[in-house]
Amino acid sequence: MLPGWQGSGPKHWQTLWERRHHYRRVEQHDWSTPLRGDWLARLEDVVLSCEEPAVLVAHSLGCILAAAWAAHSPNTQRVKAALLVAPADVERPEIRPRLPSWSPIELQALPFPAVLLGSRDDPFCELERARLFAHAWNAQFMDYGACGHINADSGLASWPEGHVLLQDLMKD
């Protein structure tokens, strides 16, 4: 499943994975002014509709969504693992006014295995904040170097290295 936020256009690795591997994307109701409660309800609906345990693949705001969902859903056992890429720090002063329903960020341990990738030059989250999220969520942290927001602008194309990480999570 592929919850995300900005930058999930036709050249984004999530879109390319969805097309190539036939993964199911969580289609949110409003991508331009996302409301946390609406996004949580939609993710819950999609997870409940899965026949097999889901593996969440979250980018940016999707990482914050995955943590919030895991903190409140009674159905977390339906998720096998999560790949969390470039979380958006919605508590940053320049982001918080645009996304008021997303603060505070849930900082409870995830009840499923997770890997979080952070970038040293992500304009939406400092590396140390990404590391803090990983620690709080009990996720394995990976410093992905200077790769921006780990999106289409990062020049990753279909991002085969990321897909290997996902396949490893799917095996366990």
C-alpha atoms as a PDB file:
ATOM      1  CA  MET A   1       0.000   0.000   0.000  1.00  0.00           C
ATOM      2  CA  LEU A   2       1.240   3.398  -0.816  1.00  0.00           C
ATOM      3  CA  PRO A   3       0.008   6.271   1.294  1.00  0.00           C
ATOM      4  CA  GLY A   4       1.830   9.441   0.406  1.00  0.00           C
ATOM      5  CA  TRP A   5       1.492  13.166  -0.060  1.00  0.00           C
ATOM      6  CA  GLN A   6       3.013  15.707  -2.434  1.00  0.00           C
ATOM      7  CA  GLY A   7       5.306  14.512  -5.169  1.00  0.00           C
ATOM      8  CA  SER A   8       3.564  11.234  -5.937  1.00  0.00           C
ATOM      9  CA  GLY A   9       3.285  12.140  -9.609  1.00  0.00           C
ATOM     10  CA  PRO A  10       3.908   9.947 -12.645  1.00  0.00           C
ATOM     11  CA  LYS A  11       7.710   9.829 -12.164  1.00  0.00           C
ATOM     12  CA  HIS A  12       7.665   9.151  -8.417  1.00  0.00           C
ATOM     13  CA  TRP A  13       9.021   5.749  -7.416  1.00  0.00           C
ATOM     14  CA  GLN A  14       5.741   4.918  -5.631  1.00  0.00           C
ATOM     15  CA  THR A  15       3.786   5.431  -8.851  1.00  0.00           C
ATOM     16  CA  LEU A  16       6.335   3.396 -10.813  1.00  0.00           C
ATOM     17  CA  TRP A  17       6.158   0.567  -8.261  1.00  0.00           C
ATOM     18  CA  GLU A  18       2.367   0.658  -8.337  1.00  0.00           C
ATOM     19  CA  ARG A  19       2.355   0.262 -12.116  1.00  0.00           C
ATOM     20  CA  ARG A  20       5.176  -2.261 -12.424  1.00  0.00           C
ATOM     21  CA  HIS A  21       4.306  -4.485  -9.479  1.00  0.00           C
ATOM     22  CA  HIS A  22       0.537  -3.921  -9.286  1.00  0.00           C
ATOM     23  CA  TYR A  23       0.656  -2.666  -5.720  1.00  0.00           C
ATOM     24  CA  ARG A  24      -2.452  -1.087  -4.310  1.00  0.00           C
ATOM     25  CA  ARG A  25      -2.331   2.639  -3.602  1.00  0.00           C
ATOM     26  CA  VAL A  26      -4.394   4.190  -0.846  1.00  0.00           C
ATOM     27  CA  GLU A  27      -6.347   6.854  -2.711  1.00  0.00           C
ATOM     28  CA  GLN A  28      -6.974   9.634  -0.259  1.00  0.00           C
ATOM     29  CA  HIS A  29      -9.967  11.967  -0.479  1.00  0.00           C
ATOM     30  CA  ASP A  30      -8.095  15.262  -0.578  1.00  0.00           C
ATOM     31  CA  TRP A  31      -4.409  15.493  -1.460  1.00  0.00           C
ATOM     32  CA  SER A  32      -4.204  19.297  -1.532  1.00  0.00           C
ATOM     33  CA  THR A  33      -5.558  19.930   1.994  1.00  0.00           C
ATOM     34  CA  PRO A  34      -5.167  16.590   3.757  1.00  0.00           C
ATOM     35  CA  LEU A  35      -7.130  16.087   6.958  1.00  0.00           C
ATOM     36  CA  ARG A  36      -5.671  13.593   9.392  1.00  0.00           C
ATOM     37  CA  GLY A  37      -9.007  12.087  10.438  1.00  0.00           C
ATOM     38  CA  ASP A  38     -10.103  11.533   6.844  1.00  0.00           C
ATOM     39  CA  TRP A  39      -6.772   9.980   5.914  1.00  0.00           C
ATOM     40  CA  LEU A  40      -6.833   7.730   8.994  1.00  0.00           C
ATOM     41  CA  ALA A  41     -10.334   6.491   8.150  1.00  0.00           C
ATOM     42  CA  ARG A  42      -9.360   5.790   4.544  1.00  0.00           C
ATOM     43  CA  LEU A  43      -6.218   3.865   5.538  1.00  0.00           C
ATOM     44  CA  GLU A  44      -8.273   1.847   8.032  1.00  0.00           C
ATOM     45  CA  ASP A  45     -10.798   0.969   5.299  1.00  0.00           C
ATOM     46  CA  VAL A  46      -8.079  -0.155   2.909  1.00  0.00           C
ATOM     47  CA  VAL A  47      -6.221  -2.228   5.518  1.00  0.00           C
ATOM     48  CA  LEU A  48      -9.485  -3.947   6.485  1.00  0.00           C
ATOM     49  CA  SER A  49     -10.180  -4.764   2.848  1.00  0.00           C
ATOM     50  CA  CYS A  50      -6.862  -6.597   2.379  1.00  0.00           C
ATOM     51  CA  GLU A  51      -7.106 -10.371   2.205  1.00  0.00           C
ATOM     52  CA  GLU A  52      -3.496 -10.853   3.338  1.00  0.00           C
ATOM     53  CA  PRO A  53      -1.465  -8.874   5.876  1.00  0.00           C
ATOM     54  CA  ALA A  54      -0.488  -5.533   4.341  1.00  0.00           C
ATOM     55  CA  VAL A  55       2.965  -4.075   4.000  1.00  0.00           C
ATOM     56  CA  LEU A  56       2.745  -0.306   4.194  1.00  0.00           C
ATOM     57  CA  VAL A  57       4.989   1.789   1.964  1.00  0.00           C
ATOM     58  CA  ALA A  58       4.809   5.375   3.145  1.00  0.00           C
ATOM     59  CA  HIS A  59       6.490   8.505   1.862  1.00  0.00           C
ATOM     60  CA  SER A  60       6.499  11.959   3.451  1.00  0.00           C
ATOM     61  CA  LEU A  61       3.142  12.650   5.112  1.00  0.00           C
ATOM     62  CA  GLY A  62       2.332   8.962   4.645  1.00  0.00           C
ATOM     63  CA  CYS A  63       4.939   8.136   7.320  1.00  0.00           C
ATOM     64  CA  ILE A  64       3.159  10.391   9.798  1.00  0.00           C
ATOM     65  CA  LEU A  65      -0.134   8.796   8.763  1.00  0.00           C
ATOM     66  CA  ALA A  66       1.227   5.275   9.325  1.00  0.00           C
ATOM     67  CA  ALA A  67       2.373   6.190  12.853  1.00  0.00           C
ATOM     68  CA  ALA A  68      -0.936   7.882  13.698  1.00  0.00           C
ATOM     69  CA  TRP A  69      -2.923   4.954  12.316  1.00  0.00           C
ATOM     70  CA  ALA A  70      -0.833   2.429  14.273  1.00  0.00           C
ATOM     71  CA  ALA A  71      -1.355   4.434  17.485  1.00  0.00           C
ATOM     72  CA  HIS A  72      -5.149   4.391  17.157  1.00  0.00           C
ATOM     73  CA  SER A  73      -6.293   1.423  15.094  1.00  0.00           C
ATOM     74  CA  PRO A  74      -7.482  -1.808  16.716  1.00  0.00           C
ATOM     75  CA  ASN A  75      -6.434  -3.593  13.509  1.00  0.00           C
ATOM     76  CA  THR A  76      -2.654  -3.220  13.513  1.00  0.00           C
ATOM     77  CA  GLN A  77      -2.227  -7.005  13.465  1.00  0.00           C
ATOM     78  CA  ARG A  78      -3.347  -6.794   9.811  1.00  0.00           C
ATOM     79  CA  VAL A  79      -0.045  -5.081   8.911  1.00  0.00           C
ATOM     80  CA  LYS A  80       3.038  -7.207   8.440  1.00  0.00           C
ATOM     81  CA  ALA A  81       5.623  -4.404   8.156  1.00  0.00           C
ATOM     82  CA  ALA A  82       6.239  -0.852   6.926  1.00  0.00           C
ATOM     83  CA  LEU A  83       8.782   0.911   4.748  1.00  0.00           C
ATOM     84  CA  LEU A  84       8.821   4.563   5.837  1.00  0.00           C
ATOM     85  CA  VAL A  85      10.616   6.945   3.485  1.00  0.00           C
ATOM     86  CA  ALA A  86      11.485  10.601   4.104  1.00  0.00           C
ATOM     87  CA  PRO A  87       8.955  11.467   6.806  1.00  0.00           C
ATOM     88  CA  ALA A  88       7.575  14.994   6.655  1.00  0.00           C
ATOM     89  CA  ASP A  89       8.131  16.840   9.911  1.00  0.00           C
ATOM     90  CA  VAL A  90       4.668  18.394  10.208  1.00  0.00           C
ATOM     91  CA  GLU A  91       5.711  20.132  13.421  1.00  0.00           C
ATOM     92  CA  ARG A  92       8.158  22.434  11.593  1.00  0.00           C
ATOM     93  CA  PRO A  93       7.027  26.076  11.841  1.00  0.00           C
ATOM     94  CA  GLU A  94       6.768  26.480   8.062  1.00  0.00           C
ATOM     95  CA  ILE A  95       4.726  23.286   7.621  1.00  0.00           C
ATOM     96  CA  ARG A  96       2.494  23.228  10.710  1.00  0.00           C
ATOM     97  CA  PRO A  97       0.087  26.002   9.532  1.00  0.00           C
ATOM     98  CA  ARG A  98      -0.550  24.130   6.273  1.00  0.00           C
ATOM     99  CA  LEU A  99      -1.296  20.861   8.092  1.00  0.00           C
ATOM    100  CA  PRO A 100      -2.832  21.828  11.444  1.00  0.00           C
ATOM    101  CA  SER A 101      -4.637  18.523  12.039  1.00  0.00           C
ATOM    102  CA  TRP A 102      -1.382  16.520  11.818  1.00  0.00           C
ATOM    103  CA  SER A 103       0.262  17.721  15.047  1.00  0.00           C
ATOM    104  CA  PRO A 104       1.381  16.376  17.353  1.00  0.00           C
ATOM    105  CA  ILE A 105       3.209  13.548  15.628  1.00  0.00           C
ATOM    106  CA  GLU A 106       2.482  10.191  17.272  1.00  0.00           C
ATOM    107  CA  LEU A 107       5.679   8.857  18.830  1.00  0.00           C
ATOM    108  CA  GLN A 108       4.575   5.408  19.998  1.00  0.00           C
ATOM    109  CA  ALA A 109       6.390   2.232  18.991  1.00  0.00           C
ATOM    110  CA  LEU A 110       4.898   0.624  15.919  1.00  0.00           C
ATOM    111  CA  PRO A 111       3.426  -2.830  16.570  1.00  0.00           C
ATOM    112  CA  PHE A 112       5.022  -4.224  13.390  1.00  0.00           C
ATOM    113  CA  PRO A 113       8.564  -4.214  11.966  1.00  0.00           C
ATOM    114  CA  ALA A 114       9.543  -1.059  10.101  1.00  0.00           C
ATOM    115  CA  VAL A 115      12.467   0.513   8.292  1.00  0.00           C
ATOM    116  CA  LEU A 116      12.740   4.307   8.083  1.00  0.00           C
ATOM    117  CA  LEU A 117      14.959   6.039   5.528  1.00  0.00           C
ATOM    118  CA  GLY A 118      16.025   9.624   6.111  1.00  0.00           C
ATOM    119  CA  SER A 119      18.010  11.958   3.892  1.00  0.00           C
ATOM    120  CA  ARG A 120      20.727  14.369   5.009  1.00  0.00           C
ATOM    121  CA  ASP A 121      19.327  17.190   2.865  1.00  0.00           C
ATOM    122  CA  ASP A 122      15.588  16.572   3.022  1.00  0.00           C
ATOM    123  CA  PRO A 123      13.905  20.006   2.933  1.00  0.00           C
ATOM    124  CA  PHE A 124      10.918  18.679   4.934  1.00  0.00           C
ATOM    125  CA  CYS A 125      12.704  16.835   7.763  1.00  0.00           C
ATOM    126  CA  GLU A 126      16.148  17.153   9.290  1.00  0.00           C
ATOM    127  CA  LEU A 127      18.081  13.907   9.537  1.00  0.00           C
ATOM    128  CA  GLU A 128      18.117  13.993  13.351  1.00  0.00           C
ATOM    129  CA  ARG A 129      14.311  14.353  13.452  1.00  0.00           C
ATOM    130  CA  ALA A 130      13.989  11.385  11.104  1.00  0.00           C
ATOM    131  CA  ARG A 131      16.306   9.451  13.414  1.00  0.00           C
ATOM    132  CA  LEU A 132      14.157  10.494  16.415  1.00  0.00           C
ATOM    133  CA  PHE A 133      11.007   9.249  14.626  1.00  0.00           C
ATOM    134  CA  ALA A 134      12.696   5.933  13.858  1.00  0.00           C
ATOM    135  CA  HIS A 135      13.744   5.516  17.475  1.00  0.00           C
ATOM    136  CA  ALA A 136      10.272   6.412  18.816  1.00  0.00           C
ATOM    137  CA  TRP A 137       8.557   4.121  16.307  1.00  0.00           C
ATOM    138  CA  ASN A 138      11.038   1.296  17.008  1.00  0.00           C
ATOM    139  CA  ALA A 139      11.964   1.284  13.323  1.00  0.00           C
ATOM    140  CA  GLN A 140      15.342   0.422  11.882  1.00  0.00           C
ATOM    141  CA  PHE A 141      16.908   3.722  10.761  1.00  0.00           C
ATOM    142  CA  MET A 142      18.826   4.083   7.511  1.00  0.00           C
ATOM    143  CA  ASP A 143      20.764   7.244   6.642  1.00  0.00           C
ATOM    144  CA  TYR A 144      20.184   7.406   2.885  1.00  0.00           C
ATOM    145  CA  GLY A 145      22.780  10.122   2.369  1.00  0.00           C
ATOM    146  CA  ALA A 146      22.085  13.384   0.552  1.00  0.00           C
ATOM    147  CA  CYS A 147      19.068  12.424  -1.526  1.00  0.00           C
ATOM    148  CA  GLY A 148      16.640  15.293  -0.983  1.00  0.00           C
ATOM    149  CA  HIS A 149      13.104  14.224  -0.193  1.00  0.00           C
ATOM    150  CA  ILE A 150      13.713  10.764  -1.729  1.00  0.00           C
ATOM    151  CA  ASN A 151      11.161  11.463  -4.448  1.00  0.00           C
ATOM    152  CA  ALA A 152      11.070  12.009  -8.225  1.00  0.00           C
ATOM    153  CA  ASP A 153      13.206  15.149  -7.850  1.00  0.00           C
ATOM    154  CA  SER A 154      15.918  12.960  -6.304  1.00  0.00           C
ATOM    155  CA  GLY A 155      16.467  11.209  -9.652  1.00  0.00           C
ATOM    156  CA  LEU A 156      15.710   7.744  -8.281  1.00  0.00           C
ATOM    157  CA  ALA A 157      13.527   6.639 -11.220  1.00  0.00           C
ATOM    158  CA  SER A 158      11.987   3.313 -10.153  1.00  0.00           C
ATOM    159  CA  TRP A 159      14.371   3.181  -7.173  1.00  0.00           C
ATOM    160  CA  PRO A 160      15.443  -0.482  -7.327  1.00  0.00           C
ATOM    161  CA  GLU A 161      17.404  -0.217  -4.048  1.00  0.00           C
ATOM    162  CA  GLY A 162      14.241   0.806  -2.230  1.00  0.00           C
ATOM    163  CA  HIS A 163      12.310  -2.032  -3.815  1.00  0.00           C
ATOM    164  CA  VAL A 164      14.902  -4.505  -2.499  1.00  0.00           C
ATOM    165  CA  LEU A 165      14.258  -3.118   1.009  1.00  0.00           C
ATOM    166  CA  LEU A 166      10.536  -3.616   0.478  1.00  0.00           C
ATOM    167  CA  GLN A 167      11.019  -7.178  -0.744  1.00  0.00           C
ATOM    168  CA  ASP A 168      13.088  -7.940   2.361  1.00  0.00           C
ATOM    169  CA  LEU A 169      10.250  -6.657   4.560  1.00  0.00           C
ATOM    170  CA  MET A 170       7.725  -8.719   2.629  1.00  0.00           C
ATOM    171  CA  LYS A 171       9.742 -11.922   3.210  1.00  0.00           C
ATOM    172  CA  ASP A 172       9.971 -11.754   6.983  1.00  0.00           C
END
